[in-house]
Amino acid sequence: MGRLAPKEDDTIEKTMLGIGRAARDAAATLALASTEAKNAALRAAAAAIRKHRAAILEANALDVAGADKTGLTPAMRDRLLLDDARVEAMAKGLEEVAELPDPIGQVMAEWTRPNGLKIARVRVPLGVIGIIYESRPNVTADAAGLCLKSGNAAILRGGSESFESSHAIIACVHEGLRAAGLPEASAQLVPTRDRAAVGVLLTMTDYVDVIIPRGGRSLIERIVAESRIPVIKHLEGICHVYVSARADPEMARRIVLNSKMRRTGVCGAAETLLVDGGAEKTMLPLLVHALLAANCEVRGDAATRAVDPKVVPGTETDWDTEYLDAIISVKVVRGVDEAIAHIEAHGSHHTDSIVTRDKAEAERFLSRVDSGIVLHNASTQFADGGEFGMGAEIGISTGKLHARGPVGAEQLTSYKYVVRGSGQVRP
């Protein structure tokens, strides 16, 4: 279970440029690799993860011990922590990606022109993808697997706190690539914790085609400001649940609790609950008491504070905060239109849900809320590529260009036009 390491006399820039050149060469091979070879590599990597489970958990224990010394928040610690179930989920995720249709070579559309030219729009890989992420070591496996399936080479820069875990995982990916006869440089992990490596990566326009950051606002803002390479943004998840006066009370209770408390440290966790003023005397107390009973801190407006003395006064800052913890802000709004306006003003265009039995109200919400994922009568924690049948995801794109919502293998492709003629010349 060895690891890459820059030679002592190498600078970070030389190391990164070497990684870039190797990735560009690997991308040329992957673009032409057969579906069978890519799937074989994914399945062999999954087998290697299971085989080396103990080594992965040992490496993760080192990361967690180091993070504990830095005072990591409980939510961030949960993101970092691996156990048997999460290691198995990584392996299973790679196998699920292997079962997906190969997007490369798919004909998206085709037509024939009056002059006889046959034109087809065909999916092709993006090329080399740089992925910068924080905390979660499982992203190492997910990102490498999705890039491989879509014929892209990946340069992975995980968070410094997950350094040991990510190296143990990438060693398993390399084992899978070797077994399938594909280049190890198809998935490379930046071999240093030094943040200067990120700065170099963002300037490697000759070698990297797309940058995908996955992390907090400060990381995203830095990358967007410094990158000379196109960026697919995964911004913070300020996710909302709006509960209508026409919602089923028990359904609303279950959805709100799951959206907030299933896992508080994931980007699809609800951070704000909006309750229809028509349900202020009925639904609001039910939901607030359920959250408090689940040991969730509730920060609310005046109407919410009137429900229970344990509710903490909310501030304007709360509406714009991704807690990633057992904290939720609660506000009473005057109907679905005010809920939509609040989400537009304070949301991050990630994931938002409405709970209602009124189909017209639901459709109004679904059509007008401008987020990557909108849901009706379902938990925001379904904001996950695996739950969408994608096997895994690199992140949830909150931008509008190229990809939006869960970014899976298909979203990591571009296309080209293939034109077949029979001697046509343009008059």
Protein backbone atom coordinates (compact mmCIF):
# COMPACT_ATOMS: atom_id res chain seq x y z
CA MET A 1 0.00 0.00 0.00
CA GLY A 2 2.69 2.48 -1.04
CA ARG A 3 2.20 6.05 -2.08
CA LEU A 4 3.48 8.59 -4.51
CA ALA A 5 5.97 11.07 -3.13
CA PRO A 6 7.83 13.91 -4.80
CA LYS A 7 11.59 13.54 -4.92
CA GLU A 8 13.35 15.67 -2.37
CA ASP A 9 14.94 17.87 -5.06
CA ASP A 10 11.64 18.41 -6.87
CA THR A 11 9.71 21.60 -6.40
CA ILE A 12 5.94 21.48 -6.00
CA GLU A 13 5.58 23.01 -9.44
CA LYS A 14 7.75 20.34 -11.09
CA THR A 15 5.82 17.63 -9.28
CA MET A 16 2.46 19.04 -10.35
CA LEU A 17 3.52 19.52 -13.97
CA GLY A 18 4.77 15.93 -14.02
CA ILE A 19 1.38 14.79 -12.73
CA GLY A 20 -0.29 16.90 -15.43
CA ARG A 21 1.77 15.41 -18.26
CA ALA A 22 1.09 11.88 -17.04
CA ALA A 23 -2.63 12.64 -16.76
CA ARG A 24 -2.76 14.03 -20.30
CA ASP A 25 -1.12 10.86 -21.64
CA ALA A 26 -3.48 8.67 -19.62
CA ALA A 27 -6.50 10.64 -20.86
CA ALA A 28 -5.58 9.81 -24.45
CA THR A 29 -5.59 6.11 -23.56
CA LEU A 30 -8.82 6.29 -21.56
CA ALA A 31 -10.68 8.09 -24.34
CA LEU A 32 -10.25 4.98 -26.47
CA ALA A 33 -10.51 2.37 -23.70
CA SER A 34 -13.23 -0.23 -24.08
CA THR A 35 -16.22 -0.37 -21.78
CA GLU A 36 -15.07 -3.81 -20.69
CA ALA A 37 -11.62 -2.55 -19.62
CA LYS A 38 -13.04 0.38 -17.66
CA ASN A 39 -15.59 -1.81 -15.92
CA ALA A 40 -12.94 -4.41 -15.11
CA ALA A 41 -10.80 -1.71 -13.48
CA LEU A 42 -13.74 -0.48 -11.41
CA ARG A 43 -14.62 -3.96 -10.18
CA ALA A 44 -10.99 -4.78 -9.41
CA ALA A 45 -10.66 -1.51 -7.47
CA ALA A 46 -13.76 -2.42 -5.47
CA ALA A 47 -12.26 -5.82 -4.68
CA ALA A 48 -9.01 -4.14 -3.61
CA ILE A 49 -10.88 -1.82 -1.25
CA ARG A 50 -12.49 -4.81 0.43
CA LYS A 51 -9.18 -6.67 0.51
CA HIS A 52 -7.34 -3.74 2.09
CA ARG A 53 -10.17 -2.65 4.38
CA ALA A 54 -7.99 -2.95 7.50
CA ALA A 55 -5.24 -0.79 5.99
CA ILE A 56 -7.78 1.85 4.94
CA LEU A 57 -9.28 1.97 8.43
CA GLU A 58 -5.82 2.13 9.99
CA ALA A 59 -4.92 5.09 7.77
CA ASN A 60 -8.24 6.74 8.61
CA ALA A 61 -7.57 6.30 12.34
CA LEU A 62 -4.36 8.31 11.88
CA ASP A 63 -6.30 11.05 10.11
CA VAL A 64 -9.00 11.16 12.76
CA ALA A 65 -6.45 11.27 15.57
CA GLY A 66 -4.70 14.16 13.88
CA ALA A 67 -7.97 15.98 13.26
CA ASP A 68 -9.04 15.54 16.88
CA LYS A 69 -5.96 17.51 17.94
CA THR A 70 -7.06 20.44 15.76
CA GLY A 71 -10.51 20.68 17.32
CA LEU A 72 -12.49 19.56 14.25
CA THR A 73 -16.24 20.09 14.61
CA PRO A 74 -18.39 16.98 15.16
CA ALA A 75 -19.90 17.39 11.68
CA MET A 76 -16.49 17.62 9.98
CA ARG A 77 -15.25 14.67 12.04
CA ASP A 78 -18.24 12.65 10.85
CA ARG A 79 -17.36 13.49 7.25
CA LEU A 80 -13.80 12.30 7.81
CA LEU A 81 -14.59 9.11 9.72
CA LEU A 82 -14.62 5.75 7.96
CA ASP A 83 -15.99 2.50 9.36
CA ASP A 84 -16.71 -0.94 7.92
CA ALA A 85 -20.04 0.19 6.46
CA ARG A 86 -18.55 3.25 4.76
CA VAL A 87 -15.65 1.27 3.31
CA GLU A 88 -18.14 -1.25 1.94
CA ALA A 89 -20.21 1.62 0.53
CA MET A 90 -17.14 2.85 -1.38
CA ALA A 91 -16.57 -0.58 -2.89
CA LYS A 92 -20.24 -1.01 -3.72
CA GLY A 93 -20.33 2.46 -5.28
CA LEU A 94 -17.54 1.53 -7.70
CA GLU A 95 -19.41 -1.65 -8.65
CA GLU A 96 -22.59 0.37 -9.24
CA VAL A 97 -20.68 2.77 -11.49
CA ALA A 98 -19.41 -0.24 -13.44
CA GLU A 99 -23.02 -1.33 -14.02
CA LEU A 100 -24.01 2.03 -15.53
CA PRO A 101 -24.21 2.47 -19.30
CA ASP A 102 -20.96 3.77 -20.78
CA PRO A 103 -21.65 7.39 -21.78
CA ILE A 104 -18.70 7.57 -24.18
CA GLY A 105 -19.70 7.13 -27.81
CA GLN A 106 -23.41 7.55 -27.11
CA VAL A 107 -25.20 9.26 -29.99
CA MET A 108 -27.14 12.11 -28.43
CA ALA A 109 -28.85 13.16 -31.67
CA GLU A 110 -28.50 12.55 -35.38
CA TRP A 111 -30.04 13.94 -38.54
CA THR A 112 -29.54 14.15 -42.30
CA ARG A 113 -29.28 17.44 -44.17
CA PRO A 114 -30.93 18.04 -47.56
CA ASN A 115 -27.50 17.76 -49.20
CA GLY A 116 -27.09 14.25 -47.83
CA LEU A 117 -24.67 15.02 -44.99
CA LYS A 118 -25.30 12.75 -42.02
CA ILE A 119 -24.62 14.59 -38.74
CA ALA A 120 -24.41 13.03 -35.27
CA ARG A 121 -23.73 14.57 -31.86
CA VAL A 122 -21.63 12.05 -29.91
CA ARG A 123 -20.51 12.02 -26.25
CA VAL A 124 -16.76 12.30 -25.61
CA PRO A 125 -14.70 12.69 -22.41
CA LEU A 126 -13.81 16.11 -21.04
CA GLY A 127 -10.16 15.03 -20.84
CA VAL A 128 -8.30 15.71 -17.58
CA ILE A 129 -10.33 16.75 -14.54
CA GLY A 130 -8.82 18.34 -11.45
CA ILE A 131 -10.93 17.65 -8.36
CA ILE A 132 -10.30 19.57 -5.14
CA TYR A 133 -12.24 18.48 -2.08
CA GLU A 134 -12.27 18.62 1.70
CA SER A 135 -12.61 16.09 4.51
CA ARG A 136 -14.45 13.15 2.95
CA PRO A 137 -12.02 10.41 1.94
CA ASN A 138 -14.76 8.49 0.11
CA VAL A 139 -14.68 11.21 -2.56
CA THR A 140 -11.31 9.78 -3.60
CA ALA A 141 -12.97 6.54 -4.68
CA ASP A 142 -16.15 8.15 -6.05
CA ALA A 143 -14.31 10.76 -8.13
CA ALA A 144 -11.73 8.33 -9.49
CA GLY A 145 -14.45 5.84 -10.41
CA LEU A 146 -16.71 8.34 -12.16
CA CYS A 147 -13.83 9.86 -14.10
CA LEU A 148 -12.68 6.42 -15.19
CA LYS A 149 -16.17 5.41 -16.32
CA SER A 150 -16.46 8.59 -18.40
CA GLY A 151 -13.02 8.17 -19.96
CA ASN A 152 -11.37 11.05 -18.09
CA ALA A 153 -8.08 11.16 -16.24
CA ALA A 154 -8.38 12.55 -12.70
CA ILE A 155 -6.01 14.64 -10.61
CA LEU A 156 -7.31 14.47 -7.05
CA ARG A 157 -6.43 16.90 -4.28
CA GLY A 158 -8.11 15.77 -1.09
CA GLY A 159 -8.24 17.66 2.17
CA SER A 160 -5.09 17.63 4.30
CA GLU A 161 -7.07 16.10 7.17
CA SER A 162 -7.87 13.00 5.03
CA PHE A 163 -4.35 12.66 3.58
CA GLU A 164 -3.57 9.17 4.90
CA SER A 165 -7.03 7.75 4.10
CA SER A 166 -6.98 9.08 0.55
CA HIS A 167 -3.57 7.54 -0.13
CA ALA A 168 -4.76 4.15 1.10
CA ILE A 169 -7.83 4.39 -1.14
CA ILE A 170 -5.98 5.57 -4.25
CA ALA A 171 -3.59 2.61 -3.86
CA CYS A 172 -6.64 0.35 -4.27
CA VAL A 173 -7.75 2.27 -7.36
CA HIS A 174 -4.27 1.81 -8.85
CA GLU A 175 -4.49 -1.91 -8.11
CA GLY A 176 -7.71 -2.01 -10.12
CA LEU A 177 -6.22 -0.04 -13.02
CA ARG A 178 -3.19 -2.35 -13.20
CA ALA A 179 -5.45 -5.41 -13.21
CA ALA A 180 -7.32 -4.03 -16.23
CA GLY A 181 -4.19 -2.94 -18.10
CA LEU A 182 -4.98 0.77 -17.82
CA PRO A 183 -2.43 3.43 -16.80
CA GLU A 184 -2.13 4.22 -13.10
CA ALA A 185 -1.93 7.88 -14.07
CA SER A 186 -5.62 7.65 -14.92
CA ALA A 187 -6.22 8.61 -11.27
CA GLN A 188 -3.50 10.50 -9.41
CA LEU A 189 -3.55 11.96 -5.92
CA VAL A 190 -1.59 15.13 -5.24
CA PRO A 191 1.21 13.83 -2.96
CA THR A 192 1.54 16.83 -0.64
CA ARG A 193 -0.51 18.66 1.94
CA ASP A 194 1.03 21.98 0.84
CA ARG A 195 -1.68 24.34 -0.39
CA ALA A 196 0.72 25.71 -2.98
CA ALA A 197 -0.05 22.59 -5.02
CA VAL A 198 -3.62 23.82 -5.47
CA GLY A 199 -2.34 27.15 -6.80
CA VAL A 200 -0.21 25.37 -9.38
CA LEU A 201 -3.05 23.03 -10.38
CA LEU A 202 -5.33 25.99 -11.09
CA THR A 203 -2.85 27.34 -13.66
CA MET A 204 -2.14 24.09 -15.54
CA THR A 205 -4.09 25.04 -18.66
CA ASP A 206 -1.95 22.82 -20.92
CA TYR A 207 -2.87 19.70 -18.98
CA VAL A 208 -6.19 20.19 -17.15
CA ASP A 209 -9.53 20.76 -18.89
CA VAL A 210 -11.92 21.27 -15.97
CA ILE A 211 -11.65 21.97 -12.23
CA ILE A 212 -14.33 20.64 -9.87
CA PRO A 213 -14.13 21.95 -6.30
CA ARG A 214 -16.15 20.34 -3.53
CA GLY A 215 -16.08 22.09 -0.18
CA GLY A 216 -16.99 25.19 1.78
CA ARG A 217 -17.57 28.70 0.52
CA SER A 218 -13.99 29.86 1.19
CA LEU A 219 -12.55 27.02 -0.90
CA ILE A 220 -14.97 27.65 -3.77
CA GLU A 221 -14.38 31.39 -3.75
CA ARG A 222 -10.61 30.92 -3.83
CA ILE A 223 -10.77 28.50 -6.74
CA VAL A 224 -13.19 30.62 -8.77
CA ALA A 225 -10.98 33.68 -8.20
CA GLU A 226 -7.66 31.99 -9.02
CA SER A 227 -8.46 29.33 -11.61
CA ARG A 228 -7.45 29.84 -15.23
CA ILE A 229 -9.36 26.66 -16.03
CA PRO A 230 -13.18 26.33 -16.35
CA VAL A 231 -14.82 25.46 -13.01
CA ILE A 232 -17.90 23.34 -12.26
CA LYS A 233 -18.93 24.76 -8.88
CA HIS A 234 -20.21 22.76 -5.94
CA LEU A 235 -21.22 25.52 -3.54
CA GLU A 236 -22.47 25.15 0.02
CA GLY A 237 -25.85 23.55 0.64
CA ILE A 238 -28.17 26.07 2.25
CA CYS A 239 -31.14 23.76 1.75
CA HIS A 240 -34.75 24.54 2.70
CA VAL A 241 -37.90 22.63 3.54
CA TYR A 242 -41.14 24.57 3.11
CA VAL A 243 -44.12 23.06 4.94
CA SER A 244 -47.49 24.20 3.63
CA ALA A 245 -50.67 24.51 5.66
CA ARG A 246 -51.96 21.83 3.28
CA ALA A 247 -49.26 19.31 4.23
CA ASP A 248 -49.96 16.01 5.95
CA PRO A 249 -48.70 16.65 9.52
CA GLU A 250 -47.09 13.25 10.07
CA MET A 251 -45.45 13.31 6.63
CA ALA A 252 -44.12 16.82 7.33
CA ARG A 253 -42.69 15.71 10.67
CA ARG A 254 -40.88 12.73 9.15
CA ILE A 255 -39.52 14.70 6.20
CA VAL A 256 -38.29 17.62 8.31
CA LEU A 257 -36.56 15.34 10.84
CA ASN A 258 -34.91 13.28 8.11
CA SER A 259 -33.89 16.33 6.10
CA LYS A 260 -32.13 17.83 9.11
CA MET A 261 -31.06 15.00 11.38
CA ARG A 262 -30.30 11.89 9.26
CA ARG A 263 -26.77 13.20 8.72
CA THR A 264 -26.25 16.81 9.69
CA GLY A 265 -22.83 17.13 8.03
CA VAL A 266 -23.86 16.41 4.43
CA CYS A 267 -24.51 19.14 1.88
CA GLY A 268 -28.11 17.98 1.40
CA ALA A 269 -29.02 18.50 5.05
CA ALA A 270 -31.79 21.07 5.52
CA GLU A 271 -30.55 24.26 7.18
CA THR A 272 -33.77 26.31 7.13
CA LEU A 273 -37.38 25.31 7.78
CA LEU A 274 -40.08 27.59 6.38
CA VAL A 275 -43.62 27.09 7.71
CA ASP A 276 -46.79 28.47 6.15
CA GLY A 277 -48.41 31.08 8.38
CA GLY A 278 -51.69 29.22 7.93
CA ALA A 279 -50.18 26.41 10.01
CA GLU A 280 -48.59 28.60 12.69
CA LYS A 281 -50.84 27.23 15.44
CA THR A 282 -50.75 23.59 14.34
CA MET A 283 -47.82 22.50 12.15
CA LEU A 284 -45.24 24.88 13.63
CA PRO A 285 -45.46 23.54 17.22
CA LEU A 286 -45.43 19.95 15.96
CA LEU A 287 -42.24 20.49 13.96
CA VAL A 288 -40.42 22.63 16.51
CA HIS A 289 -41.08 20.18 19.34
CA ALA A 290 -40.01 17.25 17.15
CA LEU A 291 -36.72 18.96 16.32
CA LEU A 292 -36.03 19.90 19.93
CA ALA A 293 -36.81 16.34 21.04
CA ALA A 294 -34.21 15.13 18.51
CA ASN A 295 -31.60 17.36 20.19
CA CYS A 296 -31.56 19.87 17.35
CA GLU A 297 -30.98 23.50 18.28
CA VAL A 298 -33.76 25.65 16.81
CA ARG A 299 -33.12 29.28 15.93
CA GLY A 300 -36.30 31.09 15.04
CA ASP A 301 -38.24 34.26 14.35
CA ALA A 302 -40.74 35.71 16.85
CA ALA A 303 -43.50 33.27 15.91
CA THR A 304 -41.18 30.30 16.33
CA ARG A 305 -39.81 31.55 19.65
CA ALA A 306 -43.38 31.77 20.95
CA VAL A 307 -43.70 27.99 20.56
CA ASP A 308 -41.05 27.00 23.09
CA PRO A 309 -38.65 28.91 25.38
CA LYS A 310 -35.78 26.66 24.23
CA VAL A 311 -35.90 28.26 20.74
CA VAL A 312 -32.92 30.57 20.27
CA PRO A 313 -33.54 33.99 18.64
CA GLY A 314 -32.66 33.85 14.97
CA THR A 315 -30.72 36.59 13.18
CA GLU A 316 -30.38 37.61 9.54
CA THR A 317 -27.08 35.73 9.48
CA ASP A 318 -28.85 32.47 10.25
CA TRP A 319 -30.78 32.54 6.97
CA ASP A 320 -27.46 32.55 5.11
CA THR A 321 -25.67 29.90 7.17
CA GLU A 322 -24.80 26.30 6.31
CA TYR A 323 -24.55 24.83 9.80
CA LEU A 324 -23.55 21.25 8.93
CA ASP A 325 -24.57 20.54 12.51
CA ALA A 326 -27.67 19.83 14.61
CA ILE A 327 -28.90 23.40 14.22
CA ILE A 328 -31.76 24.69 12.08
CA SER A 329 -33.25 28.13 11.48
CA VAL A 330 -37.06 28.36 11.36
CA LYS A 331 -39.25 31.09 9.92
CA VAL A 332 -42.98 31.57 9.38
CA VAL A 333 -43.84 32.84 5.88
CA ARG A 334 -47.07 33.98 4.25
CA GLY A 335 -47.61 31.21 1.74
CA VAL A 336 -45.64 29.57 -1.02
CA ASP A 337 -44.69 32.78 -2.85
CA GLU A 338 -42.98 34.25 0.22
CA ALA A 339 -41.21 30.90 0.73
CA ILE A 340 -39.97 31.02 -2.86
CA ALA A 341 -38.78 34.61 -2.38
CA HIS A 342 -36.93 33.68 0.82
CA ILE A 343 -35.19 30.75 -0.91
CA GLU A 344 -34.16 32.98 -3.82
CA ALA A 345 -32.75 35.59 -1.42
CA HIS A 346 -30.93 33.23 0.96
CA GLY A 347 -30.49 29.85 -0.73
CA SER A 348 -27.46 28.48 -2.55
CA HIS A 349 -29.36 26.92 -5.51
CA HIS A 350 -28.57 23.45 -4.15
CA THR A 351 -31.65 21.52 -2.91
CA ASP A 352 -35.07 22.67 -1.70
CA SER A 353 -38.25 20.76 -0.82
CA ILE A 354 -41.96 21.49 -0.42
CA VAL A 355 -44.31 19.39 1.70
CA THR A 356 -47.94 19.76 0.63
CA ARG A 357 -50.99 17.80 -0.53
CA ASP A 358 -51.90 20.60 -2.95
CA LYS A 359 -50.58 19.61 -6.40
CA ALA A 360 -50.97 23.11 -7.85
CA GLU A 361 -48.97 24.60 -4.96
CA ALA A 362 -46.31 21.93 -5.41
CA GLU A 363 -45.99 22.64 -9.13
CA ARG A 364 -45.69 26.37 -8.43
CA PHE A 365 -42.80 25.67 -6.06
CA LEU A 366 -41.08 23.14 -8.36
CA SER A 367 -41.24 25.44 -11.38
CA ARG A 368 -40.21 28.67 -9.64
CA VAL A 369 -37.49 27.63 -7.21
CA ASP A 370 -34.22 28.02 -9.11
CA SER A 371 -32.17 25.22 -7.56
CA GLY A 372 -30.28 22.25 -8.95
CA ILE A 373 -32.66 19.87 -7.15
CA VAL A 374 -36.26 20.59 -6.14
CA LEU A 375 -38.44 18.01 -4.38
CA HIS A 376 -42.08 17.50 -3.50
CA ASN A 377 -42.95 15.48 -0.39
CA ALA A 378 -39.43 14.09 -0.02
CA SER A 379 -36.38 14.68 2.16
CA THR A 380 -33.60 16.98 1.00
CA GLN A 381 -31.16 14.19 1.91
CA PHE A 382 -32.04 12.49 -1.37
CA ALA A 383 -29.65 15.05 -2.93
CA ASP A 384 -27.13 12.36 -3.75
CA GLY A 385 -25.94 10.84 -7.01
CA GLY A 386 -26.29 7.33 -5.64
CA GLU A 387 -29.95 7.99 -4.79
CA PHE A 388 -30.44 9.27 -8.35
CA GLY A 389 -29.17 5.98 -9.76
CA MET A 390 -25.80 7.43 -10.78
CA GLY A 391 -23.80 5.00 -8.63
CA ALA A 392 -21.89 7.90 -7.07
CA GLU A 393 -21.31 11.59 -7.57
CA ILE A 394 -18.44 14.03 -7.57
CA GLY A 395 -20.72 16.67 -6.08
CA ILE A 396 -23.89 18.68 -6.54
CA SER A 397 -23.28 21.44 -9.06
CA THR A 398 -24.97 24.69 -8.04
CA GLY A 399 -24.03 26.50 -11.26
CA LYS A 400 -25.93 26.48 -14.53
CA LEU A 401 -23.22 25.92 -17.13
CA HIS A 402 -22.40 22.43 -18.36
CA ALA A 403 -23.72 20.43 -15.39
CA ARG A 404 -26.31 21.04 -12.68
CA GLY A 405 -27.36 18.97 -9.69
CA PRO A 406 -25.63 15.61 -9.08
CA VAL A 407 -22.49 15.28 -11.20
CA GLY A 408 -22.14 11.65 -12.28
CA ALA A 409 -20.37 9.94 -15.17
CA GLU A 410 -22.65 11.34 -17.86
CA GLN A 411 -22.16 14.89 -16.60
CA LEU A 412 -18.38 14.47 -16.97
CA THR A 413 -18.66 14.34 -20.76
CA SER A 414 -18.76 16.82 -23.59
CA TYR A 415 -19.67 16.07 -27.20
CA LYS A 416 -18.44 16.45 -30.72
CA TYR A 417 -20.19 16.48 -34.08
CA VAL A 418 -19.41 13.61 -36.42
CA VAL A 419 -20.31 14.41 -40.04
CA ARG A 420 -20.36 11.75 -42.75
CA GLY A 421 -20.57 12.71 -46.39
CA SER A 422 -20.38 11.23 -49.84
CA GLY A 423 -18.28 13.84 -51.61
CA GLN A 424 -20.28 16.99 -50.80
CA VAL A 425 -18.62 20.39 -51.28
CA ARG A 426 -20.11 23.67 -50.20
CA PRO A 427 -21.37 25.90 -53.04
